[in-house]
C-alpha atoms as a PDB file:
ATOM      1  CA  MET A   1     -28.721  14.802 -35.626  1.00  0.00           C
ATOM      2  CA  GLU A   2     -30.023  13.321 -32.373  1.00  0.00           C
ATOM      3  CA  MET A   3     -32.658  10.614 -32.591  1.00  0.00           C
ATOM      4  CA  ASN A   4     -36.071  11.319 -31.156  1.00  0.00           C
ATOM      5  CA  PRO A   5     -37.521   8.912 -28.541  1.00  0.00           C
ATOM      6  CA  ALA A   6     -39.533   6.969 -31.136  1.00  0.00           C
ATOM      7  CA  GLU A   7     -36.435   6.403 -33.289  1.00  0.00           C
ATOM      8  CA  LYS A   8     -34.426   5.299 -30.254  1.00  0.00           C
ATOM      9  CA  ASN A   9     -37.144   2.814 -29.353  1.00  0.00           C
ATOM     10  CA  GLN A  10     -37.152   1.393 -32.881  1.00  0.00           C
ATOM     11  CA  ILE A  11     -33.381   0.868 -32.777  1.00  0.00           C
ATOM     12  CA  ARG A  12     -33.745  -0.869 -29.417  1.00  0.00           C
ATOM     13  CA  TRP A  13     -36.189  -3.322 -30.988  1.00  0.00           C
ATOM     14  CA  PHE A  14     -33.825  -4.054 -33.856  1.00  0.00           C
ATOM     15  CA  VAL A  15     -30.996  -4.746 -31.414  1.00  0.00           C
ATOM     16  CA  LEU A  16     -33.276  -6.830 -29.185  1.00  0.00           C
ATOM     17  CA  VAL A  17     -34.380  -9.058 -32.079  1.00  0.00           C
ATOM     18  CA  PHE A  18     -30.757  -9.352 -33.216  1.00  0.00           C
ATOM     19  CA  ALA A  19     -29.493 -10.295 -29.748  1.00  0.00           C
ATOM     20  CA  ALA A  20     -32.339 -12.695 -28.921  1.00  0.00           C
ATOM     21  CA  SER A  21     -32.022 -14.617 -32.185  1.00  0.00           C
ATOM     22  CA  ALA A  22     -28.221 -14.706 -31.919  1.00  0.00           C
ATOM     23  CA  VAL A  23     -28.340 -16.093 -28.368  1.00  0.00           C
ATOM     24  CA  ALA A  24     -31.014 -18.621 -29.352  1.00  0.00           C
ATOM     25  CA  PHE A  25     -28.915 -19.875 -32.266  1.00  0.00           C
ATOM     26  CA  LEU A  26     -25.786 -20.128 -30.111  1.00  0.00           C
ATOM     27  CA  ALA A  27     -27.762 -22.112 -27.525  1.00  0.00           C
ATOM     28  CA  LEU A  28     -28.881 -24.584 -30.207  1.00  0.00           C
ATOM     29  CA  LEU A  29     -25.334 -24.788 -31.532  1.00  0.00           C
ATOM     30  CA  ALA A  30     -23.935 -25.482 -28.058  1.00  0.00           C
ATOM     31  CA  SER A  31     -26.576 -28.185 -27.571  1.00  0.00           C
ATOM     32  CA  ASP A  32     -25.722 -29.817 -30.926  1.00  0.00           C
ATOM     33  CA  VAL A  33     -29.277 -29.327 -32.146  1.00  0.00           C
ATOM     34  CA  VAL A  34     -29.341 -29.523 -35.943  1.00  0.00           C
ATOM     35  CA  GLY A  35     -31.982 -29.071 -38.592  1.00  0.00           C
ATOM     36  CA  VAL A  36     -33.617 -26.587 -40.896  1.00  0.00           C
ATOM     37  CA  GLY A  37     -35.013 -24.604 -37.968  1.00  0.00           C
ATOM     38  CA  ARG A  38     -31.542 -23.919 -36.605  1.00  0.00           C
ATOM     39  CA  THR A  39     -30.258 -22.961 -40.040  1.00  0.00           C
ATOM     40  CA  LEU A  40     -33.088 -20.483 -40.578  1.00  0.00           C
ATOM     41  CA  LEU A  41     -32.578 -19.075 -37.076  1.00  0.00           C
ATOM     42  CA  LYS A  42     -28.917 -18.439 -37.865  1.00  0.00           C
ATOM     43  CA  ALA A  43     -29.983 -16.107 -40.679  1.00  0.00           C
ATOM     44  CA  VAL A  44     -32.243 -13.980 -38.448  1.00  0.00           C
ATOM     45  CA  PRO A  45     -29.604 -11.771 -36.730  1.00  0.00           C
ATOM     46  CA  VAL A  46     -27.959 -10.565 -39.940  1.00  0.00           C
ATOM     47  CA  GLY A  47     -31.354 -10.550 -41.666  1.00  0.00           C
ATOM     48  CA  THR A  48     -32.424  -8.072 -38.982  1.00  0.00           C
ATOM     49  CA  LEU A  49     -29.399  -5.922 -39.814  1.00  0.00           C
ATOM     50  CA  LEU A  50     -30.365  -6.088 -43.499  1.00  0.00           C
ATOM     51  CA  VAL A  51     -33.786  -4.648 -42.653  1.00  0.00           C
ATOM     52  CA  LEU A  52     -32.101  -1.937 -40.560  1.00  0.00           C
ATOM     53  CA  VAL A  53     -29.826  -1.046 -43.485  1.00  0.00           C
ATOM     54  CA  LEU A  54     -32.762  -0.765 -45.881  1.00  0.00           C
ATOM     55  CA  ARG A  55     -34.565   1.425 -43.361  1.00  0.00           C
ATOM     56  CA  GLU A  56     -31.700   3.685 -42.312  1.00  0.00           C
ATOM     57  CA  MET A  57     -29.482   3.984 -45.400  1.00  0.00           C
ATOM     58  CA  ARG A  58     -29.909   5.654 -48.753  1.00  0.00           C
ATOM     59  CA  GLY A  59     -28.045   5.699 -52.055  1.00  0.00           C
ATOM     60  CA  PHE A  60     -24.659   4.043 -52.520  1.00  0.00           C
ATOM     61  CA  ALA A  61     -24.246   3.060 -48.859  1.00  0.00           C
ATOM     62  CA  ARG A  62     -27.622   1.328 -48.915  1.00  0.00           C
ATOM     63  CA  ILE A  63     -26.704  -0.665 -52.028  1.00  0.00           C
ATOM     64  CA  CYS A  64     -23.310  -1.763 -50.690  1.00  0.00           C
ATOM     65  CA  LEU A  65     -24.357  -2.538 -47.123  1.00  0.00           C
ATOM     66  CA  GLY A  66     -27.554  -4.202 -48.321  1.00  0.00           C
ATOM     67  CA  GLY A  67     -25.491  -6.356 -50.677  1.00  0.00           C
ATOM     68  CA  ALA A  68     -23.052  -7.195 -47.882  1.00  0.00           C
ATOM     69  CA  MET A  69     -25.847  -8.224 -45.531  1.00  0.00           C
ATOM     70  CA  ALA A  70     -27.662 -10.233 -48.222  1.00  0.00           C
ATOM     71  CA  GLY A  71     -24.447 -12.066 -49.107  1.00  0.00           C
ATOM     72  CA  SER A  72     -23.827 -12.744 -45.425  1.00  0.00           C
ATOM     73  CA  VAL A  73     -27.328 -14.174 -44.937  1.00  0.00           C
ATOM     74  CA  CYS A  74     -26.741 -16.537 -47.867  1.00  0.00           C
ATOM     75  CA  GLY A  75     -23.376 -17.514 -46.393  1.00  0.00           C
ATOM     76  CA  ASP A  76     -24.949 -18.096 -42.977  1.00  0.00           C
ATOM     77  CA  ILE A  77     -27.423 -20.555 -44.470  1.00  0.00           C
ATOM     78  CA  LEU A  78     -24.959 -22.362 -46.738  1.00  0.00           C
ATOM     79  CA  LEU A  79     -22.338 -22.856 -44.013  1.00  0.00           C
ATOM     80  CA  ASP A  80     -24.852 -24.199 -41.502  1.00  0.00           C
ATOM     81  CA  LEU A  81     -26.341 -26.828 -43.789  1.00  0.00           C
ATOM     82  CA  PRO A  82     -24.852 -30.314 -43.161  1.00  0.00           C
ATOM     83  CA  TYR A  83     -23.287 -30.695 -46.602  1.00  0.00           C
ATOM     84  CA  GLN A  84     -19.512 -30.370 -46.965  1.00  0.00           C
ATOM     85  CA  ASN A  85     -19.755 -29.563 -50.671  1.00  0.00           C
ATOM     86  CA  LEU A  86     -21.555 -26.305 -49.814  1.00  0.00           C
ATOM     87  CA  PHE A  87     -18.524 -24.860 -48.002  1.00  0.00           C
ATOM     88  CA  VAL A  88     -17.060 -23.277 -51.147  1.00  0.00           C
ATOM     89  CA  PHE A  89     -20.435 -21.737 -51.999  1.00  0.00           C
ATOM     90  CA  GLY A  90     -20.724 -20.337 -48.478  1.00  0.00           C
ATOM     91  CA  LEU A  91     -17.212 -18.955 -48.810  1.00  0.00           C
ATOM     92  CA  LEU A  92     -18.185 -17.381 -52.143  1.00  0.00           C
ATOM     93  CA  ALA A  93     -21.256 -15.759 -50.586  1.00  0.00           C
ATOM     94  CA  PHE A  94     -19.136 -14.144 -47.875  1.00  0.00           C
ATOM     95  CA  LEU A  95     -16.485 -13.148 -50.421  1.00  0.00           C
ATOM     96  CA  ILE A  96     -19.186 -11.280 -52.343  1.00  0.00           C
ATOM     97  CA  ALA A  97     -20.343  -9.676 -49.081  1.00  0.00           C
ATOM     98  CA  HIS A  98     -16.809  -8.454 -48.393  1.00  0.00           C
ATOM     99  CA  LEU A  99     -16.497  -7.104 -51.926  1.00  0.00           C
ATOM    100  CA  PHE A 100     -19.533  -4.914 -51.217  1.00  0.00           C
ATOM    101  CA  PHE A 101     -17.862  -3.743 -47.991  1.00  0.00           C
ATOM    102  CA  ASN A 102     -14.645  -3.067 -49.908  1.00  0.00           C
ATOM    103  CA  VAL A 103     -16.342  -0.951 -52.565  1.00  0.00           C
ATOM    104  CA  LEU A 104     -18.079   1.212 -49.950  1.00  0.00           C
ATOM    105  CA  PHE A 105     -15.113   1.580 -47.604  1.00  0.00           C
ATOM    106  CA  PHE A 106     -12.533   2.381 -50.261  1.00  0.00           C
ATOM    107  CA  ARG A 107     -14.862   4.883 -51.890  1.00  0.00           C
ATOM    108  CA  HIS A 108     -14.608   6.913 -48.668  1.00  0.00           C
ATOM    109  CA  ALA A 109     -11.131   5.872 -47.487  1.00  0.00           C
ATOM    110  CA  LYS A 110      -8.289   8.367 -47.193  1.00  0.00           C
ATOM    111  CA  ARG A 111      -4.574   7.700 -47.420  1.00  0.00           C
ATOM    112  CA  PRO A 112      -3.142   6.685 -44.028  1.00  0.00           C
ATOM    113  CA  ALA A 113      -2.068   9.910 -42.366  1.00  0.00           C
ATOM    114  CA  ALA A 114      -1.417   9.058 -38.736  1.00  0.00           C
ATOM    115  CA  GLY A 115       1.542   6.857 -37.914  1.00  0.00           C
ATOM    116  CA  TYR A 116      -0.609   4.215 -36.261  1.00  0.00           C
ATOM    117  CA  GLU A 117      -2.718   3.900 -39.425  1.00  0.00           C
ATOM    118  CA  LYS A 118       0.399   3.094 -41.431  1.00  0.00           C
ATOM    119  CA  VAL A 119       1.551   0.608 -38.804  1.00  0.00           C
ATOM    120  CA  LEU A 120      -1.854  -1.091 -38.649  1.00  0.00           C
ATOM    121  CA  THR A 121      -2.094  -1.221 -42.443  1.00  0.00           C
ATOM    122  CA  GLY A 122       1.318  -2.872 -42.658  1.00  0.00           C
ATOM    123  CA  GLY A 123       0.423  -5.203 -39.806  1.00  0.00           C
ATOM    124  CA  LEU A 124      -2.793  -6.295 -41.491  1.00  0.00           C
ATOM    125  CA  ILE A 125      -0.982  -6.990 -44.767  1.00  0.00           C
ATOM    126  CA  GLY A 126       1.620  -9.021 -42.882  1.00  0.00           C
ATOM    127  CA  PHE A 127      -1.111 -10.851 -40.973  1.00  0.00           C
ATOM    128  CA  GLY A 128      -2.789 -11.730 -44.267  1.00  0.00           C
ATOM    129  CA  GLY A 129       0.499 -13.094 -45.598  1.00  0.00           C
ATOM    130  CA  VAL A 130       0.913 -15.260 -42.503  1.00  0.00           C
ATOM    131  CA  MET A 131      -2.607 -16.639 -42.926  1.00  0.00           C
ATOM    132  CA  ILE A 132      -1.958 -17.466 -46.592  1.00  0.00           C
ATOM    133  CA  TRP A 133       1.189 -19.346 -45.555  1.00  0.00           C
ATOM    134  CA  LEU A 134      -0.541 -20.991 -42.590  1.00  0.00           C
ATOM    135  CA  PHE A 135      -3.195 -22.607 -44.773  1.00  0.00           C
ATOM    136  CA  SER A 136      -0.877 -23.545 -47.641  1.00  0.00           C
ATOM    137  CA  GLY A 137      -1.157 -27.223 -46.736  1.00  0.00           C
ATOM    138  CA  ILE A 138      -4.917 -27.550 -47.139  1.00  0.00           C
ATOM    139  CA  THR A 139      -6.617 -29.340 -50.032  1.00  0.00           C
ATOM    140  CA  PRO A 140      -5.400 -27.702 -53.281  1.00  0.00           C
ATOM    141  CA  ALA A 141      -8.965 -27.339 -54.565  1.00  0.00           C
ATOM    142  CA  LEU A 142      -9.799 -25.192 -51.529  1.00  0.00           C
ATOM    143  CA  TYR A 143      -6.528 -23.266 -51.255  1.00  0.00           C
ATOM    144  CA  GLY A 144      -7.269 -20.883 -54.140  1.00  0.00           C
ATOM    145  CA  PRO A 145     -10.702 -19.835 -52.823  1.00  0.00           C
ATOM    146  CA  VAL A 146      -9.308 -19.492 -49.284  1.00  0.00           C
ATOM    147  CA  VAL A 147      -6.440 -17.263 -50.485  1.00  0.00           C
ATOM    148  CA  ALA A 148      -8.875 -15.097 -52.452  1.00  0.00           C
ATOM    149  CA  TYR A 149     -11.057 -14.784 -49.365  1.00  0.00           C
ATOM    150  CA  ILE A 150      -8.107 -13.826 -47.158  1.00  0.00           C
ATOM    151  CA  VAL A 151      -7.051 -11.101 -49.602  1.00  0.00           C
ATOM    152  CA  VAL A 152     -10.569  -9.675 -49.751  1.00  0.00           C
ATOM    153  CA  ILE A 153     -11.228  -9.683 -45.995  1.00  0.00           C
ATOM    154  CA  ILE A 154      -7.838  -8.149 -45.168  1.00  0.00           C
ATOM    155  CA  SER A 155      -8.516  -5.503 -47.804  1.00  0.00           C
ATOM    156  CA  MET A 156     -11.920  -4.871 -46.212  1.00  0.00           C
ATOM    157  CA  SER A 157     -10.378  -4.352 -42.779  1.00  0.00           C
ATOM    158  CA  ILE A 158      -7.827  -1.896 -44.209  1.00  0.00           C
ATOM    159  CA  GLY A 159     -10.626  -0.013 -45.957  1.00  0.00           C
ATOM    160  CA  ALA A 160     -12.570   0.193 -42.682  1.00  0.00           C
ATOM    161  CA  LEU A 161      -9.465   1.531 -40.933  1.00  0.00           C
ATOM    162  CA  LEU A 162      -9.035   4.312 -43.492  1.00  0.00           C
ATOM    163  CA  VAL A 163     -12.638   5.561 -43.528  1.00  0.00           C
ATOM    164  CA  PRO A 164     -12.674   8.944 -41.720  1.00  0.00           C
ATOM    165  CA  SER A 165     -14.953   8.816 -38.680  1.00  0.00           C
ATOM    166  CA  GLU A 166     -15.247  10.155 -35.160  1.00  0.00           C
ATOM    167  CA  ASN A 167     -14.371   6.740 -33.724  1.00  0.00           C
ATOM    168  CA  ARG A 168     -12.832   3.437 -34.782  1.00  0.00           C
ATOM    169  CA  PHE A 169     -15.867   1.214 -34.378  1.00  0.00           C
ATOM    170  CA  LEU A 170     -16.017   0.475 -38.112  1.00  0.00           C
ATOM    171  CA  PHE A 171     -12.473  -0.891 -37.984  1.00  0.00           C
ATOM    172  CA  LEU A 172     -13.206  -2.734 -34.736  1.00  0.00           C
ATOM    173  CA  GLY A 173     -16.100  -4.544 -36.389  1.00  0.00           C
ATOM    174  CA  ALA A 174     -13.999  -5.380 -39.443  1.00  0.00           C
ATOM    175  CA  PHE A 175     -11.144  -6.713 -37.286  1.00  0.00           C
ATOM    176  CA  LEU A 176     -13.549  -8.858 -35.250  1.00  0.00           C
ATOM    177  CA  PHE A 177     -14.757 -10.270 -38.573  1.00  0.00           C
ATOM    178  CA  VAL A 178     -11.162 -11.195 -39.447  1.00  0.00           C
ATOM    179  CA  LEU A 179     -10.715 -12.898 -36.064  1.00  0.00           C
ATOM    180  CA  SER A 180     -13.999 -14.753 -36.516  1.00  0.00           C
ATOM    181  CA  ASP A 181     -12.904 -16.149 -39.866  1.00  0.00           C
ATOM    182  CA  LEU A 182      -9.466 -17.022 -38.495  1.00  0.00           C
ATOM    183  CA  VAL A 183     -11.087 -19.132 -35.770  1.00  0.00           C
ATOM    184  CA  LEU A 184     -13.335 -20.780 -38.375  1.00  0.00           C
ATOM    185  CA  ALA A 185     -10.432 -21.612 -40.694  1.00  0.00           C
ATOM    186  CA  VAL A 186      -8.072 -22.872 -37.986  1.00  0.00           C
ATOM    187  CA  ASN A 187     -10.851 -25.001 -36.494  1.00  0.00           C
ATOM    188  CA  LYS A 188     -11.794 -26.448 -39.899  1.00  0.00           C
ATOM    189  CA  PHE A 189      -8.389 -26.967 -41.509  1.00  0.00           C
ATOM    190  CA  LEU A 190      -5.668 -27.111 -38.832  1.00  0.00           C
ATOM    191  CA  VAL A 191      -6.563 -28.006 -35.253  1.00  0.00           C
ATOM    192  CA  THR A 192      -9.783 -28.409 -33.319  1.00  0.00           C
ATOM    193  CA  ILE A 193     -10.403 -25.400 -31.086  1.00  0.00           C
ATOM    194  CA  PRO A 194     -12.513 -26.131 -27.991  1.00  0.00           C
ATOM    195  CA  ASN A 195     -15.906 -24.518 -28.611  1.00  0.00           C
ATOM    196  CA  GLY A 196     -14.434 -23.214 -31.860  1.00  0.00           C
ATOM    197  CA  ARG A 197     -17.740 -22.845 -33.694  1.00  0.00           C
ATOM    198  CA  ILE A 198     -19.338 -20.993 -30.800  1.00  0.00           C
ATOM    199  CA  ILE A 199     -16.362 -18.617 -30.594  1.00  0.00           C
ATOM    200  CA  ASN A 200     -16.419 -18.140 -34.372  1.00  0.00           C
ATOM    201  CA  ILE A 201     -20.142 -17.373 -34.580  1.00  0.00           C
ATOM    202  CA  THR A 202     -20.131 -15.164 -31.473  1.00  0.00           C
ATOM    203  CA  LEU A 203     -17.334 -13.012 -32.909  1.00  0.00           C
ATOM    204  CA  TYR A 204     -19.121 -12.964 -36.262  1.00  0.00           C
ATOM    205  CA  PHE A 205     -22.436 -11.745 -34.860  1.00  0.00           C
ATOM    206  CA  ILE A 206     -20.717  -9.039 -32.798  1.00  0.00           C
ATOM    207  CA  ALA A 207     -18.651  -7.978 -35.821  1.00  0.00           C
ATOM    208  CA  GLN A 208     -21.690  -7.571 -38.058  1.00  0.00           C
ATOM    209  CA  LEU A 209     -23.586  -5.575 -35.435  1.00  0.00           C
ATOM    210  CA  VAL A 210     -20.652  -3.247 -34.765  1.00  0.00           C
ATOM    211  CA  ILE A 211     -20.013  -2.689 -38.491  1.00  0.00           C
ATOM    212  CA  ILE A 212     -23.640  -1.802 -39.242  1.00  0.00           C
ATOM    213  CA  MET A 213     -24.102   0.447 -36.209  1.00  0.00           C
ATOM    214  CA  ALA A 214     -20.831   2.206 -37.035  1.00  0.00           C
ATOM    215  CA  ALA A 215     -21.848   2.537 -40.685  1.00  0.00           C
ATOM    216  CA  ARG A 216     -25.180   3.946 -39.570  1.00  0.00           C
ATOM    217  CA  SER A 217     -23.400   6.649 -37.583  1.00  0.00           C
ATOM    218  CA  ILE A 218     -21.337   7.554 -40.674  1.00  0.00           C
ATOM    219  CA  TRP A 219     -23.753   7.136 -43.596  1.00  0.00           C
ATOM    220  CA  GLY A 220     -27.213   6.735 -42.058  1.00  0.00           C
ATOM    221  CA  VAL A 221     -30.118   9.009 -42.939  1.00  0.00           C
ATOM    222  CA  ARG A 222     -30.273  10.008 -39.275  1.00  0.00           C
ATOM    223  CA  ARG A 223     -26.589  10.448 -38.512  1.00  0.00           C
ATOM    224  CA  VAL A 224     -25.619  10.406 -34.868  1.00  0.00           C
ATOM    225  CA  GLY A 225     -22.462  11.678 -33.309  1.00  0.00           C
ATOM    226  CA  THR A 226     -21.496   8.505 -31.488  1.00  0.00           C
ATOM    227  CA  LEU A 227     -22.017   4.803 -31.915  1.00  0.00           C
ATOM    228  CA  SER A 228     -24.885   3.819 -29.668  1.00  0.00           C
ATOM    229  CA  PRO A 229     -26.384   0.395 -30.351  1.00  0.00           C
ATOM    230  CA  LEU A 230     -28.637   0.826 -27.317  1.00  0.00           C
ATOM    231  CA  PRO A 231     -29.611   4.522 -27.176  1.00  0.00           C
ATOM    232  CA  ALA A 232     -30.150   5.914 -23.717  1.00  0.00           C
END
């Protein structure tokens, strides 16, 4: 069903708040500004998506996507605070978020039918195996949680791939999430990537926006035929 002009305008405002807060946080991050204000600002973009989910979704999709966004907001805050011992808790928050994604996606997923779906599924599993091997040398206390997280996020991306839809934006968002976390992990555990945190967070914000807008087109109360974050 097509959105009326008022609904389109409301979506524009959601996207505007998301984009403005995301850019503001990235500017503070690039300037090495730290503090509680920056941490709270980091939670605003995904917090905006949480409000959009509660407004646009109903039933099981609302529960799962709301849980995923709430877990992500908690993870955003925990990972931005300047305390190394909070990393595992931030990882746990995002793991819970991905479990919510997994439950929703696999509830609607179909067996891979097209050849490219089988190839991508196999490729994602192989990619997950490479990541598990790649980080095998990190601190043993962190290796278990990292492996669990890799398994869950790869599973989430496969679930997104196998959800029937008119486009592949849901999978695109999920794959960008995987790339975001890969940059984060490599930058934290292996080698320093120039502007690694900015790249990581930029990919993360884009991934969350694409996932929610794609999910809205599939499960939203006002379903639309195409993904259109900025309706014309």
